[in-house]
Each structure stands twice: as structure tokens, then as C-alpha cells.
Amino acid sequence: MATADPSLSMPRPPILWISLAAMFVCAGPAIAETQADQGKNQTMTRINVIIEGEVLSATLDDTVAGRDFATMLPLELTLTDFHGAEKIADLPRALDLSEAPASYRPEKGDITVYAPWGNLAIFYKPFQTSRGLVRLGEFDGSMEALIKETDIPVRIERVD
């Protein structure tokens, strides 16, 4: 009577599964980092927002919308308070939003465009996820000069 080879009775994981598992373990942090940094890409345009001589620095994201906004600069706008959470102003033309996500949840300091109205929206308070809101960039530091109840004339320009 022949005895069964003990190595044949124990199932071995196929090499493909082992390779895939190793790939996911190694790629996991990179995938998480990509998702966390979505909308906050590495190559960015620096801008200044000038309010009554005070210069606030900001950075535009390296996205289609962020780059298109940069082509409009310099801009002279009047910001108006909206909902006690953001300052808004009409832009001279629509931005290219072809690769923009359908919605965005803004944080304090975010520079965005609201696609349905085509206006710039700068958030000084966090707000709910809004369909049609597209992030353009963010302020690098304080933005206290923007938090006024009156309309605010501003100049937005590229930093060369």
C-alpha cells in the first residue's frame, strides 16, 4: 500500500497570490498618500492676495483648474461675504473644470471656485461638502485680513 506524500496533502498558496499580497502591502502607503493628497499636488503656483497693502501668501494646486486660474492673474476683485463662511467674487471667465471632482468639502483657508455660478470662493470657516465646488489652492498662513463684514477690494497676483 502506497503512502501519500505529506507535502501534497497541505495546500500551498499559489505564487500569484503571494506576489499580489506583497504588492498590496508595499503599495498600501503610496495609495493612501495619493488619496490623502488628492487636490494638493506637488508642483504648485505661489500667489499673493493683497488687501489694503497687506500681503497674504497662498499656493495654487497643480490641477487643470488651478493652472487655468493662474493664467487669469493678476486680478482685481471685490470680495463679498457669503453665508458667514466665505468671501466670493465673480471671475472674468469660466475656468477649465474638465478634470475636477463633482464635489468638495472646503476647509478654512481654501481657495475654490463654485462651478454653477463661476465665482471665486475663499473659505474662512470650514463648510459642508458642496456639489460643484472645486478647490484651486489654499492660503499658506493667516488670512485674518479677509475676515471683515464689509466688501474687500483685493489684488491677486502670481509670485515670480
N, C-alpha and C. Protein backbone atom coordinates (compact mmCIF):
# COMPACT_ATOMS: atom_id res chain seq x y z
N MET A 1 0.84 -1.15 0.00
CA MET A 1 0.00 0.00 0.00
C MET A 1 0.89 1.23 0.00
N ALA A 2 0.65 2.12 -0.94
CA ALA A 2 1.49 3.31 -1.07
C ALA A 2 0.98 4.38 -0.11
N THR A 3 1.91 5.10 0.47
CA THR A 3 1.54 6.20 1.38
C THR A 3 1.59 7.50 0.60
N ALA A 4 0.70 8.40 0.97
CA ALA A 4 0.63 9.70 0.29
C ALA A 4 1.80 10.58 0.73
N ASP A 5 2.29 11.33 -0.20
CA ASP A 5 3.37 12.28 0.09
C ASP A 5 2.80 13.39 0.97
N PRO A 6 3.33 13.61 2.21
CA PRO A 6 2.76 14.61 3.12
C PRO A 6 2.80 16.03 2.54
N SER A 7 3.75 16.33 1.70
CA SER A 7 3.82 17.69 1.14
C SER A 7 2.67 17.96 0.18
N LEU A 8 2.07 16.89 -0.37
CA LEU A 8 0.96 17.06 -1.30
C LEU A 8 -0.37 17.26 -0.58
N SER A 9 -0.45 16.87 0.69
CA SER A 9 -1.70 16.99 1.41
C SER A 9 -1.92 18.39 1.97
N MET A 10 -0.89 19.18 2.07
CA MET A 10 -1.03 20.54 2.61
C MET A 10 -1.16 21.51 1.43
N PRO A 11 -2.23 22.26 1.40
CA PRO A 11 -2.40 23.21 0.29
C PRO A 11 -1.35 24.32 0.37
N ARG A 12 -0.78 24.62 -0.76
CA ARG A 12 0.19 25.71 -0.82
C ARG A 12 -0.45 26.88 -1.56
N PRO A 13 -0.22 28.10 -1.06
CA PRO A 13 -0.79 29.25 -1.77
C PRO A 13 -0.09 29.42 -3.11
N PRO A 14 -0.84 29.67 -4.13
CA PRO A 14 -0.24 29.89 -5.45
C PRO A 14 0.71 31.08 -5.41
N ILE A 15 1.75 31.03 -6.17
CA ILE A 15 2.75 32.10 -6.20
C ILE A 15 2.14 33.44 -6.62
N LEU A 16 1.11 33.40 -7.47
CA LEU A 16 0.46 34.62 -7.89
C LEU A 16 -0.15 35.35 -6.70
N TRP A 17 -0.82 34.61 -5.80
CA TRP A 17 -1.44 35.23 -4.63
C TRP A 17 -0.40 35.83 -3.71
N ILE A 18 0.71 35.16 -3.54
CA ILE A 18 1.79 35.68 -2.70
C ILE A 18 2.34 36.96 -3.31
N SER A 19 2.53 36.96 -4.61
CA SER A 19 3.04 38.16 -5.30
C SER A 19 2.08 39.33 -5.16
N LEU A 20 0.78 39.07 -5.35
CA LEU A 20 -0.22 40.14 -5.22
C LEU A 20 -0.28 40.68 -3.80
N ALA A 21 -0.22 39.79 -2.83
CA ALA A 21 -0.25 40.23 -1.43
C ALA A 21 0.94 41.12 -1.13
N ALA A 22 2.11 40.74 -1.58
CA ALA A 22 3.31 41.54 -1.35
C ALA A 22 3.19 42.90 -2.04
N MET A 23 2.62 42.92 -3.23
CA MET A 23 2.46 44.16 -3.97
C MET A 23 1.54 45.12 -3.21
N PHE A 24 0.42 44.63 -2.67
CA PHE A 24 -0.52 45.48 -1.94
C PHE A 24 0.08 45.98 -0.63
N VAL A 25 0.85 45.14 0.04
CA VAL A 25 1.48 45.57 1.29
C VAL A 25 2.46 46.70 1.00
N CYS A 26 3.22 46.57 -0.06
CA CYS A 26 4.20 47.60 -0.41
C CYS A 26 3.53 48.85 -0.96
N ALA A 27 2.47 48.70 -1.72
CA ALA A 27 1.82 49.85 -2.35
C ALA A 27 0.82 50.54 -1.44
N GLY A 28 0.39 49.89 -0.38
CA GLY A 28 -0.62 50.46 0.52
C GLY A 28 -0.33 51.88 0.95
N PRO A 29 0.87 52.16 1.51
CA PRO A 29 1.16 53.53 1.93
C PRO A 29 1.12 54.53 0.76
N ALA A 30 1.59 54.12 -0.40
CA ALA A 30 1.57 55.02 -1.56
C ALA A 30 0.16 55.32 -1.99
N ILE A 31 -0.72 54.31 -1.97
CA ILE A 31 -2.11 54.53 -2.35
C ILE A 31 -2.77 55.46 -1.35
N ALA A 32 -2.55 55.24 -0.05
CA ALA A 32 -3.14 56.10 0.98
C ALA A 32 -2.64 57.53 0.85
N GLU A 33 -1.34 57.70 0.57
CA GLU A 33 -0.77 59.04 0.41
C GLU A 33 -1.38 59.74 -0.79
N THR A 34 -1.56 59.03 -1.89
CA THR A 34 -2.16 59.62 -3.08
C THR A 34 -3.58 60.08 -2.78
N GLN A 35 -4.35 59.27 -2.10
CA GLN A 35 -5.72 59.64 -1.78
C GLN A 35 -5.75 60.82 -0.82
N ALA A 36 -4.86 60.85 0.17
CA ALA A 36 -4.84 61.95 1.14
C ALA A 36 -4.40 63.26 0.49
N ASP A 37 -3.54 63.19 -0.51
CA ASP A 37 -3.02 64.39 -1.15
C ASP A 37 -3.82 64.81 -2.36
N GLN A 38 -4.92 64.14 -2.65
CA GLN A 38 -5.71 64.46 -3.82
C GLN A 38 -6.13 65.92 -3.76
N GLY A 39 -5.83 66.67 -4.81
CA GLY A 39 -6.14 68.09 -4.82
C GLY A 39 -5.02 68.93 -4.23
N LYS A 40 -4.00 68.30 -3.69
CA LYS A 40 -2.89 69.01 -3.09
C LYS A 40 -1.60 68.48 -3.73
N ASN A 41 -1.46 68.67 -5.00
CA ASN A 41 -0.34 68.11 -5.74
C ASN A 41 0.96 68.83 -5.44
N GLN A 42 2.07 68.27 -5.91
CA GLN A 42 3.39 68.73 -5.53
C GLN A 42 3.87 69.98 -6.27
N THR A 43 3.59 70.14 -7.57
CA THR A 43 4.05 71.30 -8.31
C THR A 43 2.97 72.36 -8.27
N MET A 44 3.25 73.48 -7.60
CA MET A 44 2.21 74.46 -7.36
C MET A 44 2.66 75.86 -7.73
N THR A 45 1.71 76.76 -7.92
CA THR A 45 1.97 78.15 -8.23
C THR A 45 1.75 78.98 -6.98
N ARG A 46 2.72 79.80 -6.65
CA ARG A 46 2.61 80.69 -5.49
C ARG A 46 1.93 81.98 -5.92
N ILE A 47 1.01 82.48 -5.09
CA ILE A 47 0.31 83.73 -5.37
C ILE A 47 0.28 84.60 -4.13
N ASN A 48 0.02 85.88 -4.34
CA ASN A 48 -0.21 86.82 -3.24
C ASN A 48 -1.61 87.38 -3.39
N VAL A 49 -2.30 87.51 -2.26
CA VAL A 49 -3.59 88.17 -2.20
C VAL A 49 -3.32 89.45 -1.40
N ILE A 50 -3.47 90.59 -2.06
CA ILE A 50 -3.10 91.87 -1.45
C ILE A 50 -4.37 92.62 -1.06
N ILE A 51 -4.46 92.96 0.24
CA ILE A 51 -5.61 93.65 0.79
C ILE A 51 -5.11 94.89 1.52
N GLU A 52 -5.44 96.06 0.97
CA GLU A 52 -5.04 97.33 1.58
C GLU A 52 -3.56 97.33 1.97
N GLY A 53 -2.71 96.86 1.07
CA GLY A 53 -1.27 96.85 1.30
C GLY A 53 -0.76 95.64 2.07
N GLU A 54 -1.63 94.87 2.68
CA GLU A 54 -1.22 93.66 3.40
C GLU A 54 -1.16 92.49 2.41
N VAL A 55 -0.06 91.77 2.43
CA VAL A 55 0.15 90.66 1.50
C VAL A 55 -0.08 89.33 2.21
N LEU A 56 -1.02 88.56 1.68
CA LEU A 56 -1.29 87.21 2.19
C LEU A 56 -0.78 86.22 1.14
N SER A 57 0.02 85.27 1.56
CA SER A 57 0.56 84.31 0.59
C SER A 57 -0.33 83.08 0.51
N ALA A 58 -0.41 82.53 -0.69
CA ALA A 58 -1.22 81.34 -0.95
C ALA A 58 -0.54 80.51 -2.03
N THR A 59 -1.02 79.30 -2.18
CA THR A 59 -0.47 78.38 -3.17
C THR A 59 -1.61 77.74 -3.95
N LEU A 60 -1.49 77.77 -5.27
CA LEU A 60 -2.48 77.12 -6.13
C LEU A 60 -2.05 75.69 -6.38
N ASP A 61 -3.03 74.80 -6.43
CA ASP A 61 -2.75 73.39 -6.73
C ASP A 61 -2.36 73.22 -8.19
N ASP A 62 -1.56 72.20 -8.45
CA ASP A 62 -1.19 71.87 -9.82
C ASP A 62 -2.27 70.97 -10.41
N THR A 63 -3.41 71.60 -10.69
CA THR A 63 -4.55 70.92 -11.31
C THR A 63 -4.93 71.72 -12.54
N VAL A 64 -5.76 71.17 -13.38
CA VAL A 64 -6.22 71.89 -14.56
C VAL A 64 -6.87 73.21 -14.13
N ALA A 65 -7.75 73.15 -13.14
CA ALA A 65 -8.44 74.36 -12.67
C ALA A 65 -7.48 75.35 -12.03
N GLY A 66 -6.55 74.87 -11.21
CA GLY A 66 -5.57 75.74 -10.56
C GLY A 66 -4.67 76.44 -11.57
N ARG A 67 -4.21 75.69 -12.57
CA ARG A 67 -3.36 76.29 -13.61
C ARG A 67 -4.14 77.29 -14.45
N ASP A 68 -5.41 76.98 -14.75
CA ASP A 68 -6.23 77.91 -15.54
C ASP A 68 -6.47 79.20 -14.76
N PHE A 69 -6.74 79.08 -13.47
CA PHE A 69 -6.92 80.27 -12.64
C PHE A 69 -5.65 81.14 -12.67
N ALA A 70 -4.50 80.51 -12.59
CA ALA A 70 -3.23 81.25 -12.61
C ALA A 70 -3.06 82.06 -13.90
N THR A 71 -3.62 81.58 -15.01
CA THR A 71 -3.49 82.33 -16.27
C THR A 71 -4.29 83.63 -16.25
N MET A 72 -5.25 83.75 -15.34
CA MET A 72 -6.05 84.97 -15.22
C MET A 72 -5.33 86.09 -14.46
N LEU A 73 -4.30 85.73 -13.75
CA LEU A 73 -3.64 86.69 -12.86
C LEU A 73 -2.75 87.65 -13.63
N PRO A 74 -2.68 88.90 -13.18
CA PRO A 74 -3.25 89.46 -11.96
C PRO A 74 -4.74 89.79 -12.12
N LEU A 75 -5.44 89.75 -11.00
CA LEU A 75 -6.87 90.07 -10.95
C LEU A 75 -7.13 91.12 -9.88
N GLU A 76 -8.03 92.03 -10.18
CA GLU A 76 -8.52 92.99 -9.19
C GLU A 76 -9.99 92.63 -8.98
N LEU A 77 -10.33 92.25 -7.75
CA LEU A 77 -11.68 91.80 -7.44
C LEU A 77 -12.19 92.49 -6.17
N THR A 78 -13.48 92.47 -5.99
CA THR A 78 -14.07 92.89 -4.72
C THR A 78 -14.74 91.67 -4.11
N LEU A 79 -14.26 91.28 -2.92
CA LEU A 79 -14.80 90.11 -2.23
C LEU A 79 -15.97 90.53 -1.35
N THR A 80 -17.03 89.74 -1.40
CA THR A 80 -18.23 89.98 -0.62
C THR A 80 -18.45 88.78 0.30
N ASP A 81 -18.92 89.04 1.52
CA ASP A 81 -19.17 87.96 2.45
C ASP A 81 -20.39 87.14 2.01
N PHE A 82 -20.29 85.82 2.20
CA PHE A 82 -21.38 84.93 1.82
C PHE A 82 -21.53 83.85 2.89
N HIS A 83 -22.69 83.73 3.48
CA HIS A 83 -23.04 82.72 4.47
C HIS A 83 -22.17 82.77 5.74
N GLY A 84 -21.48 83.87 5.98
CA GLY A 84 -20.64 83.95 7.18
C GLY A 84 -19.55 82.90 7.22
N ALA A 85 -19.17 82.39 6.05
CA ALA A 85 -18.13 81.35 5.99
C ALA A 85 -17.14 81.55 4.86
N GLU A 86 -17.50 82.41 3.90
CA GLU A 86 -16.64 82.56 2.72
C GLU A 86 -16.76 83.96 2.14
N LYS A 87 -15.76 84.31 1.36
CA LYS A 87 -15.76 85.55 0.58
C LYS A 87 -15.85 85.14 -0.88
N ILE A 88 -16.71 85.83 -1.63
CA ILE A 88 -16.90 85.46 -3.03
C ILE A 88 -16.71 86.67 -3.95
N ALA A 89 -16.39 86.39 -5.20
CA ALA A 89 -16.27 87.41 -6.24
C ALA A 89 -16.45 86.74 -7.59
N ASP A 90 -17.05 87.49 -8.52
CA ASP A 90 -17.20 86.98 -9.88
C ASP A 90 -15.84 86.97 -10.57
N LEU A 91 -15.61 85.94 -11.37
CA LEU A 91 -14.40 85.86 -12.18
C LEU A 91 -14.70 86.36 -13.58
N PRO A 92 -13.69 86.83 -14.32
CA PRO A 92 -13.92 87.37 -15.65
C PRO A 92 -14.36 86.33 -16.68
N ARG A 93 -14.07 85.05 -16.42
CA ARG A 93 -14.48 84.00 -17.34
C ARG A 93 -14.55 82.68 -16.58
N ALA A 94 -15.17 81.70 -17.20
CA ALA A 94 -15.26 80.37 -16.60
C ALA A 94 -13.89 79.70 -16.63
N LEU A 95 -13.63 78.87 -15.64
CA LEU A 95 -12.39 78.10 -15.58
C LEU A 95 -12.58 76.74 -16.24
N ASP A 96 -11.47 76.15 -16.66
CA ASP A 96 -11.49 74.79 -17.20
C ASP A 96 -11.59 73.83 -16.01
N LEU A 97 -12.75 73.23 -15.86
CA LEU A 97 -13.01 72.32 -14.75
C LEU A 97 -13.17 70.88 -15.25
N SER A 98 -12.58 70.60 -16.41
CA SER A 98 -12.77 69.31 -17.08
C SER A 98 -12.32 68.12 -16.25
N GLU A 99 -11.33 68.29 -15.39
CA GLU A 99 -10.84 67.16 -14.59
C GLU A 99 -11.19 67.30 -13.12
N ALA A 100 -12.09 68.22 -12.80
CA ALA A 100 -12.43 68.48 -11.40
C ALA A 100 -13.40 67.43 -10.85
N PRO A 101 -13.27 67.13 -9.55
CA PRO A 101 -14.24 66.22 -8.93
C PRO A 101 -15.61 66.88 -8.87
N ALA A 102 -16.64 66.09 -8.66
CA ALA A 102 -18.02 66.59 -8.65
C ALA A 102 -18.32 67.45 -7.43
N SER A 103 -17.62 67.21 -6.32
CA SER A 103 -17.89 67.98 -5.10
C SER A 103 -16.61 68.10 -4.27
N TYR A 104 -16.67 69.00 -3.28
CA TYR A 104 -15.52 69.23 -2.42
C TYR A 104 -16.01 69.73 -1.06
N ARG A 105 -15.31 69.34 -0.01
CA ARG A 105 -15.61 69.81 1.35
C ARG A 105 -14.52 70.81 1.75
N PRO A 106 -14.83 72.11 1.73
CA PRO A 106 -13.80 73.12 1.99
C PRO A 106 -13.43 73.26 3.46
N GLU A 107 -12.18 73.58 3.67
CA GLU A 107 -11.64 73.87 5.00
C GLU A 107 -11.27 75.34 5.06
N LYS A 108 -11.04 75.84 6.26
CA LYS A 108 -10.59 77.22 6.43
C LYS A 108 -9.30 77.42 5.63
N GLY A 109 -9.28 78.49 4.83
CA GLY A 109 -8.09 78.80 4.04
C GLY A 109 -8.13 78.30 2.62
N ASP A 110 -9.15 77.54 2.26
CA ASP A 110 -9.26 77.02 0.89
C ASP A 110 -9.69 78.10 -0.09
N ILE A 111 -9.06 78.08 -1.24
CA ILE A 111 -9.44 78.93 -2.37
C ILE A 111 -10.12 78.00 -3.36
N THR A 112 -11.35 78.34 -3.72
CA THR A 112 -12.15 77.45 -4.57
C THR A 112 -12.88 78.26 -5.64
N VAL A 113 -13.51 77.54 -6.54
CA VAL A 113 -14.44 78.14 -7.49
C VAL A 113 -15.73 77.33 -7.38
N TYR A 114 -16.85 78.05 -7.41
CA TYR A 114 -18.14 77.38 -7.39
C TYR A 114 -18.63 77.33 -8.83
N ALA A 115 -18.56 76.15 -9.44
CA ALA A 115 -18.80 75.98 -10.87
C ALA A 115 -20.17 76.48 -11.35
N PRO A 116 -21.27 76.20 -10.64
CA PRO A 116 -22.56 76.66 -11.17
C PRO A 116 -22.66 78.18 -11.35
N TRP A 117 -21.99 78.93 -10.49
CA TRP A 117 -22.03 80.39 -10.60
C TRP A 117 -20.77 80.94 -11.27
N GLY A 118 -19.70 80.15 -11.30
CA GLY A 118 -18.44 80.61 -11.89
C GLY A 118 -17.72 81.64 -11.03
N ASN A 119 -17.96 81.62 -9.73
CA ASN A 119 -17.33 82.62 -8.88
C ASN A 119 -16.24 82.03 -7.99
N LEU A 120 -15.31 82.90 -7.64
CA LEU A 120 -14.26 82.55 -6.69
C LEU A 120 -14.89 82.50 -5.31
N ALA A 121 -14.51 81.53 -4.50
CA ALA A 121 -15.00 81.41 -3.13
C ALA A 121 -13.81 81.09 -2.22
N ILE A 122 -13.51 82.00 -1.30
CA ILE A 122 -12.40 81.82 -0.36
C ILE A 122 -13.03 81.56 1.01
N PHE A 123 -12.74 80.40 1.58
CA PHE A 123 -13.37 80.00 2.83
C PHE A 123 -12.53 80.42 4.03
N TYR A 124 -13.17 81.13 4.97
CA TYR A 124 -12.51 81.46 6.22
C TYR A 124 -13.06 80.63 7.38
N LYS A 125 -14.01 79.75 7.07
CA LYS A 125 -14.52 78.75 8.01
C LYS A 125 -14.74 77.46 7.22
N PRO A 126 -14.65 76.31 7.89
CA PRO A 126 -14.97 75.06 7.18
C PRO A 126 -16.44 75.06 6.77
N PHE A 127 -16.77 74.30 5.74
CA PHE A 127 -18.14 74.25 5.24
C PHE A 127 -18.45 72.82 4.82
N GLN A 128 -19.70 72.56 4.54
CA GLN A 128 -20.14 71.22 4.15
C GLN A 128 -19.69 70.88 2.73
N THR A 129 -19.66 69.61 2.43
CA THR A 129 -19.37 69.15 1.08
C THR A 129 -20.40 69.76 0.13
N SER A 130 -19.92 70.35 -0.93
CA SER A 130 -20.81 71.04 -1.86
C SER A 130 -20.56 70.59 -3.28
N ARG A 131 -21.61 70.17 -3.94
CA ARG A 131 -21.53 69.76 -5.34
C ARG A 131 -21.21 70.99 -6.18
N GLY A 132 -20.24 70.88 -7.08
CA GLY A 132 -19.86 72.00 -7.95
C GLY A 132 -18.75 72.86 -7.39
N LEU A 133 -18.32 72.59 -6.16
CA LEU A 133 -17.22 73.34 -5.56
C LEU A 133 -15.91 72.67 -5.94
N VAL A 134 -14.96 73.45 -6.44
CA VAL A 134 -13.68 72.91 -6.91
C VAL A 134 -12.55 73.65 -6.23
N ARG A 135 -11.66 72.92 -5.60
CA ARG A 135 -10.51 73.52 -4.92
C ARG A 135 -9.48 74.00 -5.94
N LEU A 136 -8.98 75.22 -5.70
CA LEU A 136 -7.92 75.79 -6.54
C LEU A 136 -6.60 75.85 -5.79
N GLY A 137 -6.66 75.99 -4.47
CA GLY A 137 -5.46 76.11 -3.66
C GLY A 137 -5.81 76.47 -2.23
N GLU A 138 -4.81 77.03 -1.51
CA GLU A 138 -5.03 77.38 -0.11
C GLU A 138 -4.06 78.46 0.34
N PHE A 139 -4.45 79.16 1.39
CA PHE A 139 -3.58 80.16 1.99
C PHE A 139 -2.48 79.46 2.77
N ASP A 140 -1.29 80.06 2.75
CA ASP A 140 -0.15 79.46 3.42
C ASP A 140 -0.08 79.82 4.90
N GLY A 141 -0.74 80.91 5.29
CA GLY A 141 -0.70 81.35 6.68
C GLY A 141 -1.98 82.06 7.03
N SER A 142 -1.84 83.08 7.83
CA SER A 142 -3.00 83.83 8.30
C SER A 142 -3.78 84.45 7.13
N MET A 143 -5.07 84.51 7.32
CA MET A 143 -5.94 85.16 6.34
C MET A 143 -6.90 86.11 7.07
N GLU A 144 -6.49 86.56 8.24
CA GLU A 144 -7.33 87.41 9.08
C GLU A 144 -7.76 88.69 8.37
N ALA A 145 -6.94 89.23 7.49
CA ALA A 145 -7.28 90.47 6.78
C ALA A 145 -8.53 90.30 5.91
N LEU A 146 -8.88 89.07 5.59
CA LEU A 146 -10.07 88.80 4.77
C LEU A 146 -11.36 88.76 5.59
N ILE A 147 -11.23 88.60 6.89
CA ILE A 147 -12.41 88.40 7.72
C ILE A 147 -12.94 89.74 8.21
N LYS A 148 -13.74 90.34 7.34
CA LYS A 148 -14.38 91.62 7.62
C LYS A 148 -15.82 91.53 7.14
N GLU A 149 -16.68 92.31 7.74
CA GLU A 149 -18.09 92.28 7.33
C GLU A 149 -18.34 93.10 6.06
N THR A 150 -17.42 93.95 5.70
CA THR A 150 -17.60 94.81 4.53
C THR A 150 -17.01 94.15 3.29
N ASP A 151 -17.35 94.71 2.13
CA ASP A 151 -16.72 94.27 0.88
C ASP A 151 -15.24 94.61 0.95
N ILE A 152 -14.43 93.77 0.35
CA ILE A 152 -12.97 93.94 0.42
C ILE A 152 -12.38 93.96 -0.98
N PRO A 153 -11.79 95.08 -1.39
CA PRO A 153 -11.08 95.08 -2.68
C PRO A 153 -9.75 94.34 -2.51
N VAL A 154 -9.45 93.43 -3.45
CA VAL A 154 -8.20 92.65 -3.39
C VAL A 154 -7.53 92.62 -4.75
N ARG A 155 -6.25 92.41 -4.72
CA ARG A 155 -5.47 92.15 -5.93
C ARG A 155 -4.84 90.78 -5.73
N ILE A 156 -5.01 89.91 -6.71
CA ILE A 156 -4.42 88.56 -6.66
C ILE A 156 -3.40 88.49 -7.78
N GLU A 157 -2.16 88.15 -7.43
CA GLU A 157 -1.09 88.10 -8.43
C GLU A 157 -0.17 86.93 -8.18
N ARG A 158 0.50 86.53 -9.25
CA ARG A 158 1.50 85.45 -9.17
C ARG A 158 2.75 85.97 -8.50
N VAL A 159 3.42 85.07 -7.78
CA VAL A 159 4.73 85.38 -7.21
C VAL A 159 5.75 84.81 -8.20
N ASP A 160 6.60 85.66 -8.72
CA ASP A 160 7.59 85.18 -9.70
C ASP A 160 8.90 84.80 -9.06
